Amino acid sequence: MIRLVSFLTLITLSLCPISRAWAQGPENTGPNFNVVRQWSGTLLMQTKRDKRYRGIEEWRMFVHSDGSRTMTLSKDFLAFNALQVMTAHVDENFRPIDVYASYWAANGYRNSVRVALLGDELRAASEGPRGHANKVIKVPHEISIVTHGESMNGWYLWQGRQHTKDNVHSGIEFNLNPMPRAEGLSGGSLRPFTFQYIGKETVTVPAGTFETERYLLSNIELWVTGTDRILVKQAITDADKEYILTRLESVPAKP
């Protein structure tokens, strides 16, 4: 009994600083000063020809007072019996700061991956039932982290966004490969990529009509809109796959 009392006393004392920190001053009843604006959306994954349902993404974006942005999403990839949950935090220029992703495949939970950028150093840690892996590498300033959350794709093209002669840009990405049909950990690797800015285009989808910027990234066409670079539409040029924004809501701040 004495040991139990002592243990409970230790826990209580250890929590006191936290309790005091939360108790300082009245609770906030107005808008959250860490959030300037919020978006919430739904992205439908389907075939182009017969509009067969392949899956859905639900996402939410927070724009912070320092100009950075956070997006969290869940990707129910029914076509592969896969589930992916991701969070990405980028700075005001869309350079990644911190990324987390967890992957489920047809054979169950695979693993989680966390990637953090500290200056020119990228730190990646993967942990799951099949083991763990860590990686630390040097990277250039202009880099993107690809999680395969489709709604985050508008953020990947921040590199070299100034228009060049042919509107073709080169970049470096750290690409996480979830491979929902494969075994092993979801590792990541650096690789170069190029994309082309096609131009401005008005696009109508179930979520509404948007003025967009159209890009071509290898065999992927993307249409993104606004200063927060929201993905409106995406299509695979050589495959029967498309991604359509079916819902977009601006989440109002509480009065």
Protein backbone atom coordinates (compact mmCIF):
# COMPACT_ATOMS: atom_id res chain seq x y z
CA MET A 1 0.00 0.00 0.00
CA ILE A 2 2.85 2.38 0.87
CA ARG A 3 4.44 1.72 -2.53
CA LEU A 4 1.12 2.35 -4.29
CA VAL A 5 0.59 5.64 -2.46
CA SER A 6 4.14 6.72 -3.23
CA PHE A 7 3.67 5.86 -6.93
CA LEU A 8 0.42 7.82 -7.13
CA THR A 9 2.03 10.74 -5.35
CA LEU A 10 4.90 10.73 -7.86
CA ILE A 11 2.45 10.78 -10.79
CA THR A 12 0.45 13.61 -9.23
CA LEU A 13 3.55 15.70 -8.62
CA SER A 14 4.83 15.09 -12.15
CA LEU A 15 1.54 16.29 -13.64
CA CYS A 16 1.33 19.42 -11.50
CA PRO A 17 3.46 21.60 -13.84
CA ILE A 18 1.28 20.56 -16.80
CA SER A 19 -1.90 21.27 -14.86
CA ARG A 20 -0.61 24.67 -13.79
CA ALA A 21 0.38 25.50 -17.39
CA TRP A 22 -3.12 24.76 -18.65
CA ALA A 23 -4.71 26.59 -15.75
CA GLN A 24 -2.95 29.91 -16.34
CA GLY A 25 -5.52 32.53 -17.27
CA PRO A 26 -8.99 32.04 -18.75
CA GLU A 27 -9.53 29.59 -21.60
CA ASN A 28 -9.70 30.99 -25.13
CA THR A 29 -13.27 31.36 -26.43
CA GLY A 30 -12.45 33.06 -29.74
CA PRO A 31 -10.68 31.90 -32.90
CA ASN A 32 -7.56 29.77 -32.54
CA PHE A 33 -4.64 32.16 -33.16
CA ASN A 34 -2.63 29.24 -34.61
CA VAL A 35 -5.14 28.88 -37.45
CA VAL A 36 -5.71 31.61 -40.03
CA ARG A 37 -8.04 29.54 -42.22
CA GLN A 38 -9.14 25.96 -42.72
CA TRP A 39 -10.26 23.82 -45.63
CA SER A 40 -11.95 20.46 -45.72
CA GLY A 41 -12.39 18.33 -48.82
CA THR A 42 -13.14 14.98 -50.41
CA LEU A 43 -11.31 13.50 -53.39
CA LEU A 44 -12.92 10.69 -55.36
CA MET A 45 -10.73 8.06 -57.01
CA GLN A 46 -12.33 6.39 -60.02
CA THR A 47 -11.76 5.01 -63.53
CA LYS A 48 -12.02 7.46 -66.41
CA ARG A 49 -14.01 5.31 -68.78
CA ASP A 50 -16.81 3.79 -66.71
CA LYS A 51 -16.38 5.88 -63.50
CA ARG A 52 -15.87 2.76 -61.40
CA TYR A 53 -15.26 3.64 -57.75
CA ARG A 54 -11.67 2.95 -56.62
CA GLY A 55 -11.49 4.77 -53.33
CA ILE A 56 -11.78 8.09 -51.54
CA GLU A 57 -9.66 10.62 -49.67
CA GLU A 58 -10.93 12.83 -46.88
CA TRP A 59 -8.63 15.71 -45.97
CA ARG A 60 -8.37 18.83 -43.85
CA MET A 61 -5.94 21.72 -44.20
CA PHE A 62 -4.87 24.29 -41.62
CA VAL A 63 -3.13 27.53 -42.63
CA HIS A 64 -1.14 28.88 -39.70
CA SER A 65 -0.31 32.39 -38.58
CA ASP A 66 3.35 31.98 -39.61
CA GLY A 67 2.31 31.13 -43.18
CA SER A 68 2.99 27.42 -42.87
CA ARG A 69 0.34 24.81 -43.64
CA THR A 70 -0.65 21.42 -42.28
CA MET A 71 -2.73 18.83 -44.10
CA THR A 72 -4.04 15.61 -42.62
CA LEU A 73 -5.80 13.01 -44.76
CA SER A 74 -7.10 9.47 -44.83
CA LYS A 75 -6.99 7.51 -48.08
CA ASP A 76 -9.37 4.56 -48.28
CA PHE A 77 -7.84 2.82 -51.29
CA LEU A 78 -10.51 0.18 -51.78
CA ALA A 79 -9.10 -0.97 -55.15
CA PHE A 80 -6.03 -2.38 -53.36
CA ASN A 81 -7.61 -3.08 -49.95
CA ALA A 82 -5.25 -0.39 -48.65
CA LEU A 83 -5.60 2.37 -46.08
CA GLN A 84 -3.21 5.27 -45.73
CA VAL A 85 -3.25 8.00 -43.07
CA MET A 86 -0.94 10.99 -43.50
CA THR A 87 -0.03 14.37 -42.08
CA ALA A 88 2.26 16.89 -43.76
CA HIS A 89 3.52 20.22 -42.43
CA VAL A 90 5.13 22.62 -44.95
CA ASP A 91 6.51 26.13 -44.60
CA GLU A 92 5.07 29.25 -46.22
CA ASN A 93 6.78 28.31 -49.51
CA PHE A 94 5.57 24.67 -49.33
CA ARG A 95 9.00 23.28 -48.44
CA PRO A 96 8.37 20.22 -46.22
CA ILE A 97 9.04 20.46 -42.50
CA ASP A 98 7.61 17.25 -41.07
CA VAL A 99 5.69 14.36 -42.64
CA TYR A 100 4.05 11.28 -41.12
CA ALA A 101 2.38 8.38 -42.93
CA SER A 102 1.00 4.99 -41.90
CA TYR A 103 0.20 2.26 -44.39
CA TRP A 104 -2.22 -0.68 -44.34
CA ALA A 105 -2.24 -3.24 -47.16
CA ALA A 106 -4.36 -6.27 -48.02
CA ASN A 107 -2.32 -8.35 -45.57
CA GLY A 108 -2.80 -5.92 -42.68
CA TYR A 109 -0.79 -3.14 -41.07
CA ARG A 110 2.55 -2.56 -42.75
CA ASN A 111 4.31 0.28 -40.95
CA SER A 112 4.57 4.00 -40.29
CA VAL A 113 7.10 6.46 -41.66
CA ARG A 114 8.15 9.82 -40.29
CA VAL A 115 10.33 12.21 -42.26
CA ALA A 116 11.68 15.48 -40.87
CA LEU A 117 13.76 18.15 -42.58
CA LEU A 118 16.27 20.10 -40.52
CA GLY A 119 18.04 22.50 -42.83
CA ASP A 120 19.87 20.34 -45.39
CA GLU A 121 19.43 17.15 -43.36
CA LEU A 122 16.59 14.71 -43.96
CA ARG A 123 15.80 12.19 -41.22
CA ALA A 124 13.51 9.26 -42.00
CA ALA A 125 12.36 6.58 -39.56
CA SER A 126 10.19 3.60 -40.47
CA GLU A 127 8.72 1.27 -37.87
CA GLY A 128 6.38 -1.70 -38.15
CA PRO A 129 5.80 -5.42 -37.49
CA ARG A 130 8.53 -6.35 -39.97
CA GLY A 131 11.23 -4.28 -38.31
CA HIS A 132 12.57 -0.76 -38.34
CA ALA A 133 14.86 1.37 -40.46
CA ASN A 134 16.47 4.78 -40.08
CA LYS A 135 18.03 7.03 -42.67
CA VAL A 136 19.85 10.37 -42.46
CA ILE A 137 20.90 12.04 -45.71
CA LYS A 138 21.91 15.47 -47.00
CA VAL A 139 19.41 17.09 -49.35
CA PRO A 140 19.19 20.32 -51.37
CA HIS A 141 17.01 23.19 -50.27
CA GLU A 142 14.48 22.53 -53.02
CA ILE A 143 13.04 19.13 -52.17
CA SER A 144 9.60 17.55 -51.92
CA ILE A 145 8.43 14.57 -49.88
CA VAL A 146 6.00 12.32 -51.73
CA THR A 147 3.68 10.34 -49.46
CA HIS A 148 1.22 9.27 -52.20
CA GLY A 149 -1.59 11.13 -50.53
CA GLU A 150 -3.15 12.47 -53.73
CA SER A 151 -4.55 15.67 -52.20
CA MET A 152 -1.01 16.68 -51.19
CA ASN A 153 0.20 16.56 -54.80
CA GLY A 154 -0.41 20.28 -55.35
CA TRP A 155 2.26 20.98 -52.75
CA TYR A 156 5.00 18.91 -54.38
CA LEU A 157 5.44 21.27 -57.31
CA TRP A 158 6.70 24.22 -55.27
CA GLN A 159 10.24 23.85 -56.63
CA GLY A 160 11.27 26.30 -59.34
CA ARG A 161 7.74 27.65 -59.74
CA GLN A 162 9.00 30.70 -61.62
CA HIS A 163 8.26 30.27 -65.32
CA THR A 164 11.20 29.13 -67.44
CA LYS A 165 11.50 29.38 -71.21
CA ASP A 166 9.70 26.08 -71.84
CA ASN A 167 7.85 26.07 -68.50
CA VAL A 168 9.77 22.88 -67.61
CA HIS A 169 11.17 22.58 -64.11
CA SER A 170 13.50 20.10 -62.45
CA GLY A 171 13.38 19.04 -58.83
CA ILE A 172 14.37 16.46 -56.24
CA GLU A 173 11.91 14.32 -54.29
CA PHE A 174 12.13 11.90 -51.39
CA ASN A 175 9.60 9.34 -52.51
CA LEU A 176 7.93 7.02 -50.04
CA ASN A 177 6.91 3.81 -51.74
CA PRO A 178 3.98 2.18 -49.92
CA MET A 179 3.62 -0.59 -52.54
CA PRO A 180 0.31 -1.90 -51.18
CA ARG A 181 0.82 -5.30 -52.80
CA ALA A 182 4.40 -5.83 -51.63
CA GLU A 183 6.09 -7.07 -48.49
CA GLY A 184 8.59 -5.23 -46.32
CA LEU A 185 8.88 -1.73 -44.94
CA SER A 186 7.72 1.36 -46.82
CA GLY A 187 11.11 2.84 -47.53
CA GLY A 188 11.97 6.12 -49.18
CA SER A 189 14.57 7.20 -51.71
CA LEU A 190 15.82 10.38 -53.38
CA ARG A 191 15.24 10.80 -57.06
CA PRO A 192 15.08 13.61 -59.61
CA PHE A 193 11.88 14.57 -61.37
CA THR A 194 10.68 17.10 -63.91
CA PHE A 195 7.34 18.77 -64.40
CA GLN A 196 5.87 21.20 -66.87
CA TYR A 197 3.57 24.13 -66.28
CA ILE A 198 0.90 23.92 -68.99
CA GLY A 199 -1.07 27.07 -68.17
CA LYS A 200 -4.22 28.38 -66.56
CA GLU A 201 -7.46 26.52 -67.09
CA THR A 202 -11.03 26.72 -65.81
CA VAL A 203 -12.11 23.32 -64.50
CA THR A 204 -15.55 22.17 -63.36
CA VAL A 205 -15.85 19.23 -60.96
CA PRO A 206 -18.61 18.19 -58.52
CA ALA A 207 -17.11 20.53 -55.89
CA GLY A 208 -17.55 23.54 -58.18
CA THR A 209 -15.84 25.55 -60.93
CA PHE A 210 -12.27 26.68 -60.28
CA GLU A 211 -9.57 28.74 -61.94
CA THR A 212 -6.61 26.37 -61.88
CA GLU A 213 -2.98 25.96 -62.86
CA ARG A 214 -2.41 22.86 -64.96
CA TYR A 215 0.78 20.81 -64.68
CA LEU A 216 2.20 17.69 -66.28
CA LEU A 217 4.34 15.53 -64.00
CA SER A 218 5.62 12.57 -66.00
CA ASN A 219 2.38 10.72 -66.81
CA ILE A 220 0.27 12.64 -64.29
CA GLU A 221 -1.82 15.70 -65.11
CA LEU A 222 -2.71 17.94 -62.18
CA TRP A 223 -5.01 20.93 -61.78
CA VAL A 224 -4.47 22.97 -58.61
CA THR A 225 -6.18 26.13 -57.40
CA GLY A 226 -5.55 29.07 -55.09
CA THR A 227 -2.73 30.20 -52.84
CA ASP A 228 -3.12 27.02 -50.77
CA ARG A 229 -2.60 24.89 -53.91
CA ILE A 230 -5.65 22.67 -53.52
CA LEU A 231 -5.82 19.71 -55.88
CA VAL A 232 -9.00 19.96 -57.98
CA LYS A 233 -8.39 17.20 -60.49
CA GLN A 234 -5.75 14.64 -61.39
CA ALA A 235 -5.52 12.16 -64.25
CA ILE A 236 -3.06 9.46 -65.28
CA THR A 237 -2.43 10.01 -68.98
CA ASP A 238 -1.57 6.40 -69.84
CA ALA A 239 -3.96 4.64 -67.45
CA ASP A 240 -7.69 4.53 -66.76
CA LYS A 241 -7.46 6.51 -63.51
CA GLU A 242 -8.64 9.92 -62.38
CA TYR A 243 -9.09 11.82 -59.13
CA ILE A 244 -11.89 14.38 -58.75
CA LEU A 245 -12.60 16.91 -56.01
CA THR A 246 -16.22 16.26 -55.00
CA ARG A 247 -16.39 18.48 -51.89
CA LEU A 248 -14.56 21.61 -50.76
CA GLU A 249 -15.56 23.59 -47.68
CA SER A 250 -14.01 26.57 -46.01
CA VAL A 251 -14.21 25.83 -42.30
CA PRO A 252 -15.25 29.04 -40.52
CA ALA A 253 -13.58 30.15 -37.33
CA LYS A 254 -15.74 29.99 -34.25
CA PRO A 255 -17.06 33.44 -33.20
